């Protein structure tokens, strides 16, 4: 069994895989992480190896405590990848993007794949049918756009994304903001997909991230929504580096 740790800015996502099957996942605050980690290690006694993707919130002491309980691989830009990385500044490439393209290798090796991760930022990452990662784009996510409208204006309120149907033409300040943010993101994503489709035959599009389910219902483009795609990519990377 494999232990997957995805440490973000505020929370740590914890997952357990048996081979390629996700058997457990949860999200914990940093304050509660270690106790939950120990319970998971006890409950899944067959865990042997783990991988950690961290934005830096874990100290060296924290990582050393994890290593006392599991054979841990830390995801860095030097990790061995199952594809060719043609990004011109690989040291600046986000670890999550490394893992997302790794996940695309599981079922879409030798295929053109666009992975869209809709979270704090919206990232677009493209792998071609020669298994070469070429890069993509980074754009503000839904919540970031709402916060920017509030932070950088004097009169606009701080809103959360609306689960109600959004008219293209808003008739109040709030509905205008919802239209601008939500319809803007949807049309941006549909437009990016359309552009990739014109340049790449048989393109597969994967949508993941915290806002994937919300956006998938609004997009016109044909996509595969998978909220566990990043975790699957980290598990794949762990197995790939164990073999090496």
C-alpha atoms as a PDB file:
ATOM      1  CA  UNK A   1       0.000   0.000   0.000  1.00  0.00           C
ATOM      2  CA  UNK A   2       1.070   3.586  -0.698  1.00  0.00           C
ATOM      3  CA  UNK A   3       0.539   6.718   1.367  1.00  0.00           C
ATOM      4  CA  UNK A   4       0.017   9.968  -0.558  1.00  0.00           C
ATOM      5  CA  UNK A   5       0.484  13.357   1.150  1.00  0.00           C
ATOM      6  CA  UNK A   6      -0.444  16.540  -0.701  1.00  0.00           C
ATOM      7  CA  UNK A   7       0.409  19.437   1.603  1.00  0.00           C
ATOM      8  CA  UNK A   8      -1.141  22.716   0.499  1.00  0.00           C
ATOM      9  CA  UNK A   9      -1.208  26.169   2.029  1.00  0.00           C
ATOM     10  CA  UNK A  10      -3.838  25.386   4.678  1.00  0.00           C
ATOM     11  CA  UNK A  11      -4.591  21.660   4.612  1.00  0.00           C
ATOM     12  CA  UNK A  12      -2.950  18.310   3.978  1.00  0.00           C
ATOM     13  CA  UNK A  13      -4.737  15.838   1.744  1.00  0.00           C
ATOM     14  CA  UNK A  14      -4.019  12.264   2.808  1.00  0.00           C
ATOM     15  CA  UNK A  15      -4.741   9.257   0.609  1.00  0.00           C
ATOM     16  CA  UNK A  16      -4.059   5.538   0.712  1.00  0.00           C
ATOM     17  CA  UNK A  17      -3.739   3.462  -2.452  1.00  0.00           C
ATOM     18  CA  UNK A  18      -3.764  -0.299  -2.821  1.00  0.00           C
ATOM     19  CA  UNK A  19      -1.971  -0.735  -6.129  1.00  0.00           C
ATOM     20  CA  UNK A  20      -3.863   1.716  -8.381  1.00  0.00           C
ATOM     21  CA  UNK A  21      -7.053   1.797  -6.304  1.00  0.00           C
ATOM     22  CA  UNK A  22      -7.822   4.690  -3.952  1.00  0.00           C
ATOM     23  CA  UNK A  23      -9.071   3.120  -0.715  1.00  0.00           C
ATOM     24  CA  UNK A  24      -9.020   6.136   1.634  1.00  0.00           C
ATOM     25  CA  UNK A  25      -8.712   9.904   1.517  1.00  0.00           C
ATOM     26  CA  UNK A  26      -9.226  12.808   3.892  1.00  0.00           C
ATOM     27  CA  UNK A  27      -8.133  16.393   4.435  1.00  0.00           C
ATOM     28  CA  UNK A  28      -6.598  17.615   7.695  1.00  0.00           C
ATOM     29  CA  UNK A  29      -5.332  20.898   9.089  1.00  0.00           C
ATOM     30  CA  UNK A  30      -1.633  21.072   9.895  1.00  0.00           C
ATOM     31  CA  UNK A  31      -2.501  21.109  13.590  1.00  0.00           C
ATOM     32  CA  UNK A  32      -4.387  17.806  13.345  1.00  0.00           C
ATOM     33  CA  UNK A  33      -2.239  16.168  10.691  1.00  0.00           C
ATOM     34  CA  UNK A  34       0.224  14.121  12.727  1.00  0.00           C
ATOM     35  CA  UNK A  35      -2.370  12.431  14.952  1.00  0.00           C
ATOM     36  CA  UNK A  36      -4.438  11.549  11.885  1.00  0.00           C
ATOM     37  CA  UNK A  37      -1.311  10.335  10.113  1.00  0.00           C
ATOM     38  CA  UNK A  38      -0.476   7.950  12.975  1.00  0.00           C
ATOM     39  CA  UNK A  39      -4.042   6.578  13.025  1.00  0.00           C
ATOM     40  CA  UNK A  40      -3.935   5.935   9.279  1.00  0.00           C
ATOM     41  CA  UNK A  41      -0.594   4.145   9.588  1.00  0.00           C
ATOM     42  CA  UNK A  42      -2.148   1.946  12.288  1.00  0.00           C
ATOM     43  CA  UNK A  43      -5.356   1.289  10.336  1.00  0.00           C
ATOM     44  CA  UNK A  44      -3.490   0.479   7.121  1.00  0.00           C
ATOM     45  CA  UNK A  45      -0.605  -1.549   8.454  1.00  0.00           C
ATOM     46  CA  UNK A  46       0.460  -2.672   4.954  1.00  0.00           C
ATOM     47  CA  UNK A  47       1.571   0.837   4.004  1.00  0.00           C
ATOM     48  CA  UNK A  48       5.244   0.647   3.045  1.00  0.00           C
ATOM     49  CA  UNK A  49       5.979   3.662   0.884  1.00  0.00           C
ATOM     50  CA  UNK A  50       4.813   7.240   0.729  1.00  0.00           C
ATOM     51  CA  UNK A  51       5.235  10.373  -1.336  1.00  0.00           C
ATOM     52  CA  UNK A  52       5.034  13.965  -0.122  1.00  0.00           C
ATOM     53  CA  UNK A  53       4.173  16.951  -2.291  1.00  0.00           C
ATOM     54  CA  UNK A  54       4.516  20.082  -0.179  1.00  0.00           C
ATOM     55  CA  UNK A  55       4.464  23.820  -0.829  1.00  0.00           C
ATOM     56  CA  UNK A  56       6.815  24.226   2.115  1.00  0.00           C
ATOM     57  CA  UNK A  57       4.552  24.316   5.170  1.00  0.00           C
ATOM     58  CA  UNK A  58       6.198  21.180   6.594  1.00  0.00           C
ATOM     59  CA  UNK A  59       9.442  21.721   8.472  1.00  0.00           C
ATOM     60  CA  UNK A  60      12.390  19.330   8.205  1.00  0.00           C
ATOM     61  CA  UNK A  61      11.462  18.055  11.677  1.00  0.00           C
ATOM     62  CA  UNK A  62       7.910  17.313  10.508  1.00  0.00           C
ATOM     63  CA  UNK A  63       9.205  15.392   7.491  1.00  0.00           C
ATOM     64  CA  UNK A  64      11.671  13.446   9.621  1.00  0.00           C
ATOM     65  CA  UNK A  65       8.798  12.354  11.900  1.00  0.00           C
ATOM     66  CA  UNK A  66       6.886  11.061   8.881  1.00  0.00           C
ATOM     67  CA  UNK A  67       9.976   9.180   7.690  1.00  0.00           C
ATOM     68  CA  UNK A  68      10.101   7.304  10.989  1.00  0.00           C
ATOM     69  CA  UNK A  69       6.874   5.556   9.975  1.00  0.00           C
ATOM     70  CA  UNK A  70       7.070   5.175   6.193  1.00  0.00           C
ATOM     71  CA  UNK A  71       9.659   5.033   3.392  1.00  0.00           C
ATOM     72  CA  UNK A  72       9.082   8.530   2.050  1.00  0.00           C
ATOM     73  CA  UNK A  73       9.888  10.069  -1.317  1.00  0.00           C
ATOM     74  CA  UNK A  74       9.718  13.865  -1.479  1.00  0.00           C
ATOM     75  CA  UNK A  75       8.413  15.287  -4.735  1.00  0.00           C
ATOM     76  CA  UNK A  76      10.963  17.750  -6.116  1.00  0.00           C
ATOM     77  CA  UNK A  77      11.778  19.067  -9.569  1.00  0.00           C
ATOM     78  CA  UNK A  78      14.589  16.504  -9.697  1.00  0.00           C
ATOM     79  CA  UNK A  79      12.286  13.484  -9.411  1.00  0.00           C
ATOM     80  CA  UNK A  80      12.332  10.976 -12.285  1.00  0.00           C
ATOM     81  CA  UNK A  81       9.370  11.502 -14.585  1.00  0.00           C
ATOM     82  CA  UNK A  82       7.562   9.052 -16.898  1.00  0.00           C
ATOM     83  CA  UNK A  83       7.532  11.647 -19.691  1.00  0.00           C
ATOM     84  CA  UNK A  84       9.876  14.168 -21.315  1.00  0.00           C
ATOM     85  CA  UNK A  85       9.741  17.564 -19.626  1.00  0.00           C
ATOM     86  CA  UNK A  86      10.356  20.295 -22.232  1.00  0.00           C
ATOM     87  CA  UNK A  87       9.418  23.166 -19.889  1.00  0.00           C
ATOM     88  CA  UNK A  88      12.123  25.810 -20.273  1.00  0.00           C
ATOM     89  CA  UNK A  89      12.267  26.650 -16.542  1.00  0.00           C
ATOM     90  CA  UNK A  90      11.757  23.239 -14.885  1.00  0.00           C
ATOM     91  CA  UNK A  91      12.903  24.475 -11.465  1.00  0.00           C
ATOM     92  CA  UNK A  92       9.952  26.878 -11.351  1.00  0.00           C
ATOM     93  CA  UNK A  93       7.371  24.309 -12.426  1.00  0.00           C
ATOM     94  CA  UNK A  94       4.801  23.568  -9.719  1.00  0.00           C
ATOM     95  CA  UNK A  95       4.938  20.118  -8.175  1.00  0.00           C
ATOM     96  CA  UNK A  96       1.211  19.683  -8.681  1.00  0.00           C
ATOM     97  CA  UNK A  97       1.666  20.156 -12.421  1.00  0.00           C
ATOM     98  CA  UNK A  98       4.359  17.452 -12.485  1.00  0.00           C
ATOM     99  CA  UNK A  99       1.932  15.078 -10.805  1.00  0.00           C
ATOM    100  CA  UNK A 100      -1.027  15.990 -13.020  1.00  0.00           C
ATOM    101  CA  UNK A 101       0.852  15.161 -16.206  1.00  0.00           C
ATOM    102  CA  UNK A 102       2.082  11.957 -14.564  1.00  0.00           C
ATOM    103  CA  UNK A 103      -1.557  11.015 -13.967  1.00  0.00           C
ATOM    104  CA  UNK A 104      -2.268  11.512 -17.666  1.00  0.00           C
ATOM    105  CA  UNK A 105       0.266   8.773 -18.424  1.00  0.00           C
ATOM    106  CA  UNK A 106      -1.848   6.135 -16.668  1.00  0.00           C
ATOM    107  CA  UNK A 107      -4.613   5.911 -19.272  1.00  0.00           C
ATOM    108  CA  UNK A 108      -3.507   8.381 -21.937  1.00  0.00           C
ATOM    109  CA  UNK A 109       0.070   7.499 -22.814  1.00  0.00           C
ATOM    110  CA  UNK A 110       0.927   8.445 -26.424  1.00  0.00           C
ATOM    111  CA  UNK A 111      -2.150  10.666 -26.622  1.00  0.00           C
ATOM    112  CA  UNK A 112      -2.641  14.414 -26.748  1.00  0.00           C
ATOM    113  CA  UNK A 113      -3.899  15.430 -23.294  1.00  0.00           C
ATOM    114  CA  UNK A 114      -4.891  18.777 -21.811  1.00  0.00           C
ATOM    115  CA  UNK A 115      -5.176  18.731 -18.009  1.00  0.00           C
ATOM    116  CA  UNK A 116      -7.121  21.610 -16.442  1.00  0.00           C
ATOM    117  CA  UNK A 117      -6.810  22.025 -12.675  1.00  0.00           C
ATOM    118  CA  UNK A 118      -9.457  24.423 -11.371  1.00  0.00           C
ATOM    119  CA  UNK A 119      -8.404  25.473  -7.893  1.00  0.00           C
ATOM    120  CA  UNK A 120      -6.967  28.669  -6.418  1.00  0.00           C
ATOM    121  CA  UNK A 121      -5.432  29.122  -9.844  1.00  0.00           C
ATOM    122  CA  UNK A 122      -6.600  27.503 -13.051  1.00  0.00           C
ATOM    123  CA  UNK A 123      -3.703  25.697 -14.676  1.00  0.00           C
ATOM    124  CA  UNK A 124      -3.656  24.313 -18.196  1.00  0.00           C
ATOM    125  CA  UNK A 125      -1.038  21.632 -18.883  1.00  0.00           C
ATOM    126  CA  UNK A 126      -0.480  19.919 -22.226  1.00  0.00           C
ATOM    127  CA  UNK A 127       1.224  16.608 -23.038  1.00  0.00           C
ATOM    128  CA  UNK A 128       1.456  15.562 -26.677  1.00  0.00           C
ATOM    129  CA  UNK A 129       1.165  12.108 -28.239  1.00  0.00           C
ATOM    130  CA  UNK A 130       4.937  11.684 -28.016  1.00  0.00           C
ATOM    131  CA  UNK A 131       4.701  11.974 -24.224  1.00  0.00           C
ATOM    132  CA  UNK A 132       6.377  15.363 -24.196  1.00  0.00           C
ATOM    133  CA  UNK A 133       5.211  17.931 -21.675  1.00  0.00           C
ATOM    134  CA  UNK A 134       5.215  21.331 -23.380  1.00  0.00           C
ATOM    135  CA  UNK A 135       3.706  23.626 -20.734  1.00  0.00           C
ATOM    136  CA  UNK A 136       0.393  25.460 -20.746  1.00  0.00           C
ATOM    137  CA  UNK A 137      -1.035  28.446 -18.894  1.00  0.00           C
ATOM    138  CA  UNK A 138      -1.866  29.799 -15.431  1.00  0.00           C
ATOM    139  CA  UNK A 139      -4.950  31.902 -14.756  1.00  0.00           C
ATOM    140  CA  UNK A 140      -6.763  33.164 -11.617  1.00  0.00           C
ATOM    141  CA  UNK A 141      -9.359  30.768 -10.226  1.00  0.00           C
ATOM    142  CA  UNK A 142     -12.943  31.576  -9.308  1.00  0.00           C
ATOM    143  CA  UNK A 143     -12.356  32.595  -5.679  1.00  0.00           C
ATOM    144  CA  UNK A 144      -9.255  34.570  -6.604  1.00  0.00           C
ATOM    145  CA  UNK A 145     -11.285  36.611  -9.095  1.00  0.00           C
ATOM    146  CA  UNK A 146     -13.986  37.357  -6.540  1.00  0.00           C
ATOM    147  CA  UNK A 147     -11.344  38.465  -4.024  1.00  0.00           C
ATOM    148  CA  UNK A 148      -9.597  40.651  -6.599  1.00  0.00           C
ATOM    149  CA  UNK A 149     -12.847  42.470  -7.421  1.00  0.00           C
ATOM    150  CA  UNK A 150     -13.333  43.205  -3.730  1.00  0.00           C
ATOM    151  CA  UNK A 151      -9.696  44.031  -2.899  1.00  0.00           C
ATOM    152  CA  UNK A 152      -8.962  46.337  -5.803  1.00  0.00           C
ATOM    153  CA  UNK A 153     -12.196  48.352  -5.936  1.00  0.00           C
ATOM    154  CA  UNK A 154     -13.910  50.637  -3.456  1.00  0.00           C
ATOM    155  CA  UNK A 155     -17.511  49.557  -3.949  1.00  0.00           C
ATOM    156  CA  UNK A 156     -17.676  45.909  -4.935  1.00  0.00           C
ATOM    157  CA  UNK A 157     -18.571  43.344  -2.239  1.00  0.00           C
ATOM    158  CA  UNK A 158     -16.788  40.070  -1.515  1.00  0.00           C
ATOM    159  CA  UNK A 159     -18.957  37.295  -2.970  1.00  0.00           C
ATOM    160  CA  UNK A 160     -18.734  33.539  -3.057  1.00  0.00           C
ATOM    161  CA  UNK A 161     -19.487  31.592  -6.218  1.00  0.00           C
ATOM    162  CA  UNK A 162     -23.196  31.239  -6.826  1.00  0.00           C
ATOM    163  CA  UNK A 163     -24.781  27.809  -7.182  1.00  0.00           C
ATOM    164  CA  UNK A 164     -27.850  29.423  -8.767  1.00  0.00           C
ATOM    165  CA  UNK A 165     -28.190  29.712 -12.562  1.00  0.00           C
ATOM    166  CA  UNK A 166     -26.200  32.715 -13.805  1.00  0.00           C
ATOM    167  CA  UNK A 167     -27.678  34.963 -16.483  1.00  0.00           C
ATOM    168  CA  UNK A 168     -25.257  36.268 -19.070  1.00  0.00           C
ATOM    169  CA  UNK A 169     -26.659  39.778 -18.553  1.00  0.00           C
ATOM    170  CA  UNK A 170     -26.653  40.659 -14.858  1.00  0.00           C
ATOM    171  CA  UNK A 171     -29.220  43.180 -13.596  1.00  0.00           C
ATOM    172  CA  UNK A 172     -27.729  43.916 -10.155  1.00  0.00           C
ATOM    173  CA  UNK A 173     -24.161  44.505  -9.004  1.00  0.00           C
ATOM    174  CA  UNK A 174     -24.009  41.031  -7.488  1.00  0.00           C
ATOM    175  CA  UNK A 175     -25.412  39.260 -10.549  1.00  0.00           C
ATOM    176  CA  UNK A 176     -23.093  41.287 -12.792  1.00  0.00           C
ATOM    177  CA  UNK A 177     -20.133  40.109 -10.723  1.00  0.00           C
ATOM    178  CA  UNK A 178     -21.309  36.494 -10.833  1.00  0.00           C
ATOM    179  CA  UNK A 179     -21.756  36.747 -14.589  1.00  0.00           C
ATOM    180  CA  UNK A 180     -18.338  38.278 -15.057  1.00  0.00           C
ATOM    181  CA  UNK A 181     -16.526  35.735 -12.901  1.00  0.00           C
ATOM    182  CA  UNK A 182     -18.372  32.494 -13.614  1.00  0.00           C
ATOM    183  CA  UNK A 183     -19.323  33.029 -17.244  1.00  0.00           C
ATOM    184  CA  UNK A 184     -15.892  34.539 -17.823  1.00  0.00           C
ATOM    185  CA  UNK A 185     -14.122  31.436 -16.459  1.00  0.00           C
ATOM    186  CA  UNK A 186     -16.413  29.058 -18.356  1.00  0.00           C
ATOM    187  CA  UNK A 187     -15.883  30.856 -21.657  1.00  0.00           C
ATOM    188  CA  UNK A 188     -12.154  31.083 -20.999  1.00  0.00           C
ATOM    189  CA  UNK A 189     -11.890  27.334 -20.446  1.00  0.00           C
ATOM    190  CA  UNK A 190     -14.114  26.510 -23.425  1.00  0.00           C
ATOM    191  CA  UNK A 191     -12.027  28.887 -25.564  1.00  0.00           C
ATOM    192  CA  UNK A 192      -8.713  27.369 -24.481  1.00  0.00           C
ATOM    193  CA  UNK A 193     -10.030  23.852 -25.170  1.00  0.00           C
ATOM    194  CA  UNK A 194     -11.238  24.943 -28.612  1.00  0.00           C
ATOM    195  CA  UNK A 195      -7.831  26.389 -29.459  1.00  0.00           C
ATOM    196  CA  UNK A 196      -6.032  23.210 -28.397  1.00  0.00           C
ATOM    197  CA  UNK A 197      -8.537  21.154 -30.418  1.00  0.00           C
ATOM    198  CA  UNK A 198      -7.739  23.077 -33.586  1.00  0.00           C
ATOM    199  CA  UNK A 199      -4.035  22.319 -33.223  1.00  0.00           C
ATOM    200  CA  UNK A 200      -4.107  18.755 -31.844  1.00  0.00           C
ATOM    201  CA  UNK A 201      -6.014  15.749 -33.165  1.00  0.00           C
ATOM    202  CA  UNK A 202      -7.911  13.451 -30.803  1.00  0.00           C
ATOM    203  CA  UNK A 203      -7.402  15.689 -27.781  1.00  0.00           C
ATOM    204  CA  UNK A 204      -8.412  14.304 -24.393  1.00  0.00           C
ATOM    205  CA  UNK A 205      -9.366  16.936 -21.812  1.00  0.00           C
ATOM    206  CA  UNK A 206      -9.244  16.210 -18.073  1.00  0.00           C
ATOM    207  CA  UNK A 207     -10.801  18.631 -15.571  1.00  0.00           C
ATOM    208  CA  UNK A 208      -9.815  18.332 -11.918  1.00  0.00           C
ATOM    209  CA  UNK A 209      -9.402  20.486  -8.808  1.00  0.00           C
ATOM    210  CA  UNK A 210     -11.727  21.920  -6.190  1.00  0.00           C
ATOM    211  CA  UNK A 211     -14.025  23.673  -8.682  1.00  0.00           C
ATOM    212  CA  UNK A 212     -14.052  20.847 -11.244  1.00  0.00           C
ATOM    213  CA  UNK A 213     -17.515  19.530 -10.386  1.00  0.00           C
ATOM    214  CA  UNK A 214     -18.989  23.040 -10.315  1.00  0.00           C
ATOM    215  CA  UNK A 215     -17.507  23.992 -13.692  1.00  0.00           C
ATOM    216  CA  UNK A 216     -18.045  20.655 -15.440  1.00  0.00           C
ATOM    217  CA  UNK A 217     -21.807  21.223 -15.415  1.00  0.00           C
ATOM    218  CA  UNK A 218     -21.391  24.556 -17.223  1.00  0.00           C
ATOM    219  CA  UNK A 219     -18.793  23.776 -19.899  1.00  0.00           C
ATOM    220  CA  UNK A 220     -19.832  23.090 -23.478  1.00  0.00           C
ATOM    221  CA  UNK A 221     -16.653  21.173 -24.272  1.00  0.00           C
ATOM    222  CA  UNK A 222     -16.375  17.420 -23.904  1.00  0.00           C
ATOM    223  CA  UNK A 223     -14.293  16.676 -20.810  1.00  0.00           C
ATOM    224  CA  UNK A 224     -13.532  13.979 -18.249  1.00  0.00           C
ATOM    225  CA  UNK A 225     -13.968  15.266 -14.686  1.00  0.00           C
ATOM    226  CA  UNK A 226     -11.818  13.522 -12.078  1.00  0.00           C
ATOM    227  CA  UNK A 227     -11.435  15.056  -8.616  1.00  0.00           C
ATOM    228  CA  UNK A 228      -8.740  12.512  -7.635  1.00  0.00           C
ATOM    229  CA  UNK A 229      -6.492  13.065 -10.637  1.00  0.00           C
ATOM    230  CA  UNK A 230      -3.665  14.725  -8.675  1.00  0.00           C
ATOM    231  CA  UNK A 231      -3.652  11.971  -6.046  1.00  0.00           C
ATOM    232  CA  UNK A 232      -3.540   9.357  -8.802  1.00  0.00           C
ATOM    233  CA  UNK A 233      -0.600  11.166 -10.364  1.00  0.00           C
ATOM    234  CA  UNK A 234       1.315  11.228  -7.085  1.00  0.00           C
ATOM    235  CA  UNK A 235       0.669   7.506  -6.617  1.00  0.00           C
ATOM    236  CA  UNK A 236       1.898   6.855 -10.165  1.00  0.00           C
ATOM    237  CA  UNK A 237       5.062   8.891  -9.528  1.00  0.00           C
ATOM    238  CA  UNK A 238       5.712   6.995  -6.304  1.00  0.00           C
ATOM    239  CA  UNK A 239       5.451   3.628  -8.062  1.00  0.00           C
ATOM    240  CA  UNK A 240       7.542   4.864 -10.982  1.00  0.00           C
ATOM    241  CA  UNK A 241      10.366   6.021  -8.737  1.00  0.00           C
ATOM    242  CA  UNK A 242      10.236   2.871  -6.639  1.00  0.00           C
ATOM    243  CA  UNK A 243      10.845   0.851  -9.800  1.00  0.00           C
ATOM    244  CA  UNK A 244      13.763   3.025 -10.763  1.00  0.00           C
END
